[in-house]
Amino acid sequence: MRRILFFLLSAALLCGAVQGYVLSIEAPGELRAGAPLLVSGTTTFPAGTQFDIVFYKLQFTTPQEIGRRMIVVGESKEFDASFPTTGLEAGHYKVEVQFLKDPGSKLGSDSVTLQQVEIIDRSGEIFLTAPRDQVLGEALLIEGYIPDLGVATITLRISGPAGFSLPDQFVRTTTQPGKVDGWFSYKVPVTEPGNYYVEIYDREGFMATVKYAVERPAPVTTPAGTETSPSDAPTSPSAVPFPLAALAAGLAGAVVICAGRRQ
C-alpha cells in the first residue's frame, strides 16, 4: 500500500514538473485608435518572477515594437499593463510575453503568451472646424461635424495640464437645412496654457482623441521709431534764423567796405 501511495505521489510530482508554470494574458481582439490597450493576466509563477509585455505592430518585415512594460509577479499572481494607442495607424498588432531568460520547460503548455489586436481608426469620421492651436481667452473651442450623424448626442471627455479634467460633457448635434451631417460646437473656458485632450464618443463608442495646444496670447508691442511727437522733431543746434543771418551778413559787408576806404 505504501508503495502504491509513493508511486502515485511521485507521478503527481512528475506531472507537475512536466506541466510547468502557467501564464496567460488577455487583450481585446479589436480596439479603436486612441483608446488605451489594456492587457491583463494571471500566472502560477512564484512571486518575484519578472517578464515583459511587449506591444508590436505586425508588418511584412520584422514587427515594429511600440511599447514595453515590465511585470513583477506579486502575491495575487494577477497583473495588468496599459499601452496608449493615440496616433497609431489602423492595422494588426500583437502583445506578447517576453522573459528576461528563456523559461524553457518551466512554462507550461497551457500558457497563452500572445494575443493579436486589430486597431480601427475612426478619426477620419470627424471633421474639425476650430483650430487645434488656440490662445487663452478664446480657448477651448471644440467645433466640427460628423457626416451622416444627424441630430444625436455625442460625449466629450476633456483633460489637460495641472490635473485639469471634466466629467463627461454631453453635446447635442444639430443639422443644416436639407442635410444630415451632425454639427457640434462646445466651449470650455480654460485658464492655463498647455495641451488639452478631448476624447469624442458617439452612439457606436469611442471615435478619436483630439489634442489642442493652448498658449498665452502674444504681448502687443509697438516697434521702436514708429511714433513721433512735435517735441521729437529734429533740430540743428547750429542753425540760425533767417533774419539774423541776413543782418550778420550785412554787418560783415559794411566792415569790409569801410576797411577798404581807409586803405
Protein backbone atom coordinates (compact mmCIF):
# COMPACT_ATOMS: atom_id res chain seq x y z
CA MET A 1 0.00 0.00 0.00
CA ARG A 2 2.82 2.37 0.87
CA ARG A 3 4.48 1.58 -2.43
CA ILE A 4 1.30 2.47 -4.28
CA LEU A 5 0.96 5.77 -2.43
CA PHE A 6 4.62 6.56 -3.06
CA PHE A 7 4.15 5.78 -6.75
CA LEU A 8 1.07 7.99 -7.03
CA LEU A 9 2.78 10.87 -5.23
CA SER A 10 5.84 10.58 -7.45
CA ALA A 11 3.65 10.53 -10.55
CA ALA A 12 1.81 13.66 -9.40
CA LEU A 13 5.07 15.48 -8.77
CA LEU A 14 6.40 14.34 -12.12
CA CYS A 15 3.28 15.56 -13.93
CA GLY A 16 3.53 18.91 -12.17
CA ALA A 17 7.16 19.20 -13.21
CA VAL A 18 6.32 18.34 -16.80
CA GLN A 19 3.37 20.73 -16.99
CA GLY A 20 5.39 23.64 -15.58
CA TYR A 21 4.05 27.03 -14.62
CA VAL A 22 1.09 28.55 -16.43
CA LEU A 23 0.96 32.16 -17.63
CA SER A 24 -1.99 33.57 -19.57
CA ILE A 25 -2.69 37.05 -20.91
CA GLU A 26 -5.90 38.58 -22.26
CA ALA A 27 -6.37 41.56 -24.59
CA PRO A 28 -9.26 42.84 -26.73
CA GLY A 29 -9.34 41.46 -30.25
CA GLU A 30 -10.48 44.83 -31.58
CA LEU A 31 -9.76 48.35 -30.37
CA ARG A 32 -10.44 51.85 -31.64
CA ALA A 33 -7.36 54.04 -32.13
CA GLY A 34 -6.89 56.43 -29.23
CA ALA A 35 -8.38 54.14 -26.59
CA PRO A 36 -5.83 52.58 -24.22
CA LEU A 37 -4.92 48.95 -24.84
CA LEU A 38 -5.43 47.07 -21.57
CA VAL A 39 -3.68 43.73 -21.10
CA SER A 40 -4.42 41.57 -18.05
CA GLY A 41 -3.21 38.17 -16.99
CA THR A 42 -2.68 35.53 -14.34
CA THR A 43 0.15 33.11 -13.64
CA THR A 44 1.28 30.33 -11.35
CA PHE A 45 4.89 31.51 -11.44
CA PRO A 46 6.20 32.36 -7.96
CA ALA A 47 6.08 35.92 -6.65
CA GLY A 48 9.06 37.96 -7.79
CA THR A 49 9.21 36.44 -11.27
CA GLN A 50 9.90 39.13 -13.89
CA PHE A 51 8.95 39.35 -17.55
CA ASP A 52 7.97 41.97 -20.13
CA ILE A 53 4.76 42.50 -22.05
CA VAL A 54 5.68 43.92 -25.46
CA PHE A 55 3.34 45.71 -27.87
CA TYR A 56 4.16 45.25 -31.57
CA LYS A 57 2.82 46.42 -34.92
CA LEU A 58 2.63 43.50 -37.33
CA GLN A 59 4.10 44.11 -40.78
CA PHE A 60 5.67 42.20 -43.66
CA THR A 61 9.16 42.70 -42.25
CA THR A 62 10.21 42.40 -38.61
CA PRO A 63 7.41 43.51 -36.23
CA GLN A 64 7.85 47.08 -35.00
CA GLU A 65 7.99 47.49 -31.24
CA ILE A 66 5.55 50.13 -30.00
CA GLY A 67 5.93 49.81 -26.23
CA ARG A 68 7.11 47.59 -23.41
CA ARG A 69 6.03 47.10 -19.79
CA MET A 70 7.91 45.21 -17.08
CA ILE A 71 5.84 42.92 -14.88
CA VAL A 72 6.88 41.64 -11.46
CA VAL A 73 4.61 38.85 -10.22
CA GLY A 74 3.01 39.66 -6.87
CA GLU A 75 1.35 37.50 -4.25
CA SER A 76 -2.02 37.75 -6.02
CA LYS A 77 -0.49 36.20 -9.18
CA GLU A 78 -2.51 38.71 -11.24
CA PHE A 79 -1.06 41.52 -13.35
CA ASP A 80 -2.00 44.12 -15.95
CA ALA A 81 -0.43 46.61 -18.35
CA SER A 82 -1.69 49.53 -20.42
CA PHE A 83 -0.47 50.93 -23.75
CA PRO A 84 -1.61 54.22 -25.36
CA THR A 85 -2.78 53.96 -28.97
CA THR A 86 -3.25 57.64 -29.80
CA GLY A 87 -1.78 58.35 -33.22
CA LEU A 88 -1.41 54.70 -34.22
CA GLU A 89 -2.47 53.67 -37.70
CA ALA A 90 -5.26 51.22 -38.28
CA GLY A 91 -3.98 47.68 -38.71
CA HIS A 92 -2.94 44.49 -36.96
CA TYR A 93 -0.89 44.49 -33.76
CA LYS A 94 0.07 41.98 -31.09
CA VAL A 95 1.02 41.84 -27.42
CA GLU A 96 3.47 39.18 -26.34
CA VAL A 97 5.17 37.99 -23.15
CA GLN A 98 8.96 38.03 -23.18
CA PHE A 99 11.00 36.58 -20.32
CA LEU A 100 14.34 38.04 -19.33
CA LYS A 101 15.67 34.48 -19.52
CA ASP A 102 14.23 31.64 -21.57
CA PRO A 103 11.94 29.74 -19.15
CA GLY A 104 12.34 26.54 -21.12
CA SER A 105 10.31 23.68 -19.71
CA LYS A 106 9.19 25.83 -16.77
CA LEU A 107 6.49 27.36 -18.99
CA GLY A 108 3.52 25.02 -19.20
CA SER A 109 1.86 24.12 -22.48
CA ASP A 110 -1.45 25.62 -21.33
CA SER A 111 0.06 29.10 -21.25
CA VAL A 112 -1.19 31.89 -23.52
CA THR A 113 1.62 34.37 -24.09
CA LEU A 114 0.48 36.10 -27.30
CA GLN A 115 -2.66 37.96 -28.34
CA GLN A 116 -3.42 39.73 -31.62
CA VAL A 117 -5.23 43.07 -31.66
CA GLU A 118 -6.81 44.91 -34.58
CA ILE A 119 -6.84 48.69 -34.23
CA ILE A 120 -9.62 50.56 -36.01
CA ASP A 121 -9.16 54.27 -36.70
CA ARG A 122 -12.35 56.36 -36.74
CA SER A 123 -10.66 59.75 -36.57
CA GLY A 124 -11.37 60.20 -40.28
CA GLU A 125 -15.09 60.27 -39.47
CA ILE A 126 -14.74 63.58 -37.60
CA PHE A 127 -14.15 66.93 -39.31
CA LEU A 128 -12.96 69.75 -37.05
CA THR A 129 -13.60 73.37 -37.96
CA ALA A 130 -11.92 75.03 -34.95
CA PRO A 131 -8.11 75.29 -34.99
CA ARG A 132 -6.11 72.92 -32.81
CA ASP A 133 -3.76 75.75 -31.82
CA GLN A 134 -5.64 78.26 -29.68
CA VAL A 135 -4.90 81.08 -27.23
CA LEU A 136 -6.17 81.81 -23.73
CA GLY A 137 -9.27 83.94 -23.80
CA GLU A 138 -10.58 82.12 -26.85
CA ALA A 139 -9.90 78.51 -25.83
CA LEU A 140 -11.09 75.90 -25.54
CA LEU A 141 -13.36 75.79 -28.58
CA ILE A 142 -14.35 72.33 -29.83
CA GLU A 143 -16.22 72.57 -33.08
CA GLY A 144 -16.90 70.44 -36.15
CA TYR A 145 -19.25 67.89 -37.66
CA ILE A 146 -19.72 64.15 -38.13
CA PRO A 147 -21.04 63.12 -41.55
CA ASP A 148 -24.49 61.49 -41.63
CA LEU A 149 -24.84 61.56 -37.83
CA GLY A 150 -27.92 63.76 -37.85
CA VAL A 151 -29.35 65.02 -34.59
CA ALA A 152 -27.74 62.97 -31.83
CA THR A 153 -25.79 63.21 -28.59
CA ILE A 154 -22.01 62.92 -28.50
CA THR A 155 -19.86 62.67 -25.39
CA LEU A 156 -16.70 64.70 -24.77
CA ARG A 157 -14.12 63.74 -22.14
CA ILE A 158 -11.71 66.60 -21.58
CA SER A 159 -8.39 66.59 -19.71
CA GLY A 160 -5.49 69.00 -19.59
CA PRO A 161 -2.44 70.31 -17.71
CA ALA A 162 -2.12 70.53 -13.93
CA GLY A 163 -4.65 67.73 -13.41
CA PHE A 164 -7.42 69.51 -15.29
CA SER A 165 -10.35 67.21 -16.07
CA LEU A 166 -14.09 67.45 -16.51
CA PRO A 167 -16.87 64.92 -16.10
CA ASP A 168 -18.43 63.67 -19.31
CA GLN A 169 -19.85 66.55 -21.34
CA PHE A 170 -22.94 65.63 -23.38
CA VAL A 171 -23.33 67.72 -26.52
CA ARG A 172 -26.34 67.67 -28.81
CA THR A 173 -25.61 67.89 -32.53
CA THR A 174 -27.66 69.91 -34.99
CA THR A 175 -28.26 69.71 -38.73
CA GLN A 176 -28.40 72.26 -41.51
CA PRO A 177 -31.46 72.54 -43.77
CA GLY A 178 -31.64 69.63 -46.19
CA LYS A 179 -28.52 67.91 -44.79
CA VAL A 180 -27.86 65.08 -42.33
CA ASP A 181 -24.39 65.93 -41.04
CA GLY A 182 -24.29 66.35 -37.27
CA TRP A 183 -22.71 69.67 -36.30
CA PHE A 184 -21.41 70.35 -32.81
CA SER A 185 -19.92 73.36 -31.03
CA TYR A 186 -18.79 73.43 -27.42
CA LYS A 187 -16.61 75.88 -25.49
CA VAL A 188 -14.83 75.24 -22.21
CA PRO A 189 -13.15 78.31 -20.65
CA VAL A 190 -9.61 77.41 -19.59
CA THR A 191 -7.07 79.49 -17.70
CA GLU A 192 -3.84 77.52 -18.05
CA PRO A 193 -1.70 77.12 -21.18
CA GLY A 194 -0.72 73.62 -22.26
CA ASN A 195 -2.03 70.60 -24.13
CA TYR A 196 -5.67 69.64 -23.75
CA TYR A 197 -7.03 66.26 -24.86
CA VAL A 198 -10.61 65.70 -25.95
CA GLU A 199 -11.97 62.17 -26.35
CA ILE A 200 -15.02 62.03 -28.61
CA TYR A 201 -17.65 59.28 -28.40
CA ASP A 202 -20.77 58.72 -30.46
CA ARG A 203 -23.52 56.11 -30.13
CA GLU A 204 -21.18 53.45 -31.53
CA GLY A 205 -18.47 54.16 -28.97
CA PHE A 206 -15.05 55.77 -29.00
CA MET A 207 -14.13 57.73 -32.11
CA ALA A 208 -10.90 59.66 -31.56
CA THR A 209 -8.73 61.71 -29.23
CA VAL A 210 -8.01 65.27 -30.35
CA LYS A 211 -5.12 67.32 -28.93
CA TYR A 212 -5.45 71.09 -28.63
CA ALA A 213 -2.40 73.26 -27.87
CA VAL A 214 -3.34 76.37 -25.88
CA GLU A 215 -0.87 79.24 -25.48
CA ARG A 216 -0.85 82.64 -23.86
CA PRO A 217 -1.60 85.49 -26.30
CA ALA A 218 1.47 87.27 -27.60
CA PRO A 219 2.03 90.68 -25.94
CA VAL A 220 1.15 93.67 -28.13
CA THR A 221 4.22 95.87 -28.66
CA THR A 222 4.84 98.97 -30.81
CA PRO A 223 8.04 98.83 -32.89
CA ALA A 224 10.59 101.44 -31.86
CA GLY A 225 10.69 104.56 -34.03
CA THR A 226 7.17 104.31 -35.37
CA GLU A 227 5.74 107.09 -33.16
CA THR A 228 6.80 110.77 -33.21
CA SER A 229 5.71 113.90 -31.38
CA PRO A 230 6.26 117.64 -32.06
CA SER A 231 8.94 117.76 -29.39
CA ASP A 232 10.77 114.92 -31.14
CA ALA A 233 11.17 116.86 -34.44
CA PRO A 234 14.87 117.01 -35.38
CA THR A 235 16.57 120.41 -34.95
CA SER A 236 20.06 121.68 -35.70
CA PRO A 237 21.71 123.46 -32.77
CA SER A 238 23.92 125.49 -35.16
CA ALA A 239 21.07 126.70 -37.36
CA VAL A 240 20.46 130.47 -37.22
CA PRO A 241 17.05 132.02 -38.03
CA PHE A 242 16.97 133.70 -41.49
CA PRO A 243 16.56 137.38 -40.35
CA LEU A 244 19.53 137.17 -38.00
CA ALA A 245 21.65 135.52 -40.67
CA ALA A 246 20.90 138.34 -43.16
CA LEU A 247 21.73 141.02 -40.57
CA ALA A 248 25.03 139.41 -39.71
CA ALA A 249 25.96 139.17 -43.40
CA GLY A 250 25.16 142.90 -43.92
CA LEU A 251 27.28 144.00 -40.98
CA ALA A 252 30.18 141.91 -42.20
CA GLY A 253 29.94 143.55 -45.67
CA ALA A 254 29.91 147.04 -44.20
CA VAL A 255 33.01 146.34 -42.18
CA VAL A 256 34.84 145.16 -45.28
CA ILE A 257 33.86 148.32 -47.28
CA CYS A 258 34.99 150.65 -44.50
CA ALA A 259 38.27 148.91 -44.21
CA GLY A 260 38.83 149.30 -47.96
CA ARG A 261 38.18 153.06 -47.92
CA ARG A 262 40.67 153.62 -45.12
CA GLN A 263 43.33 151.87 -47.12
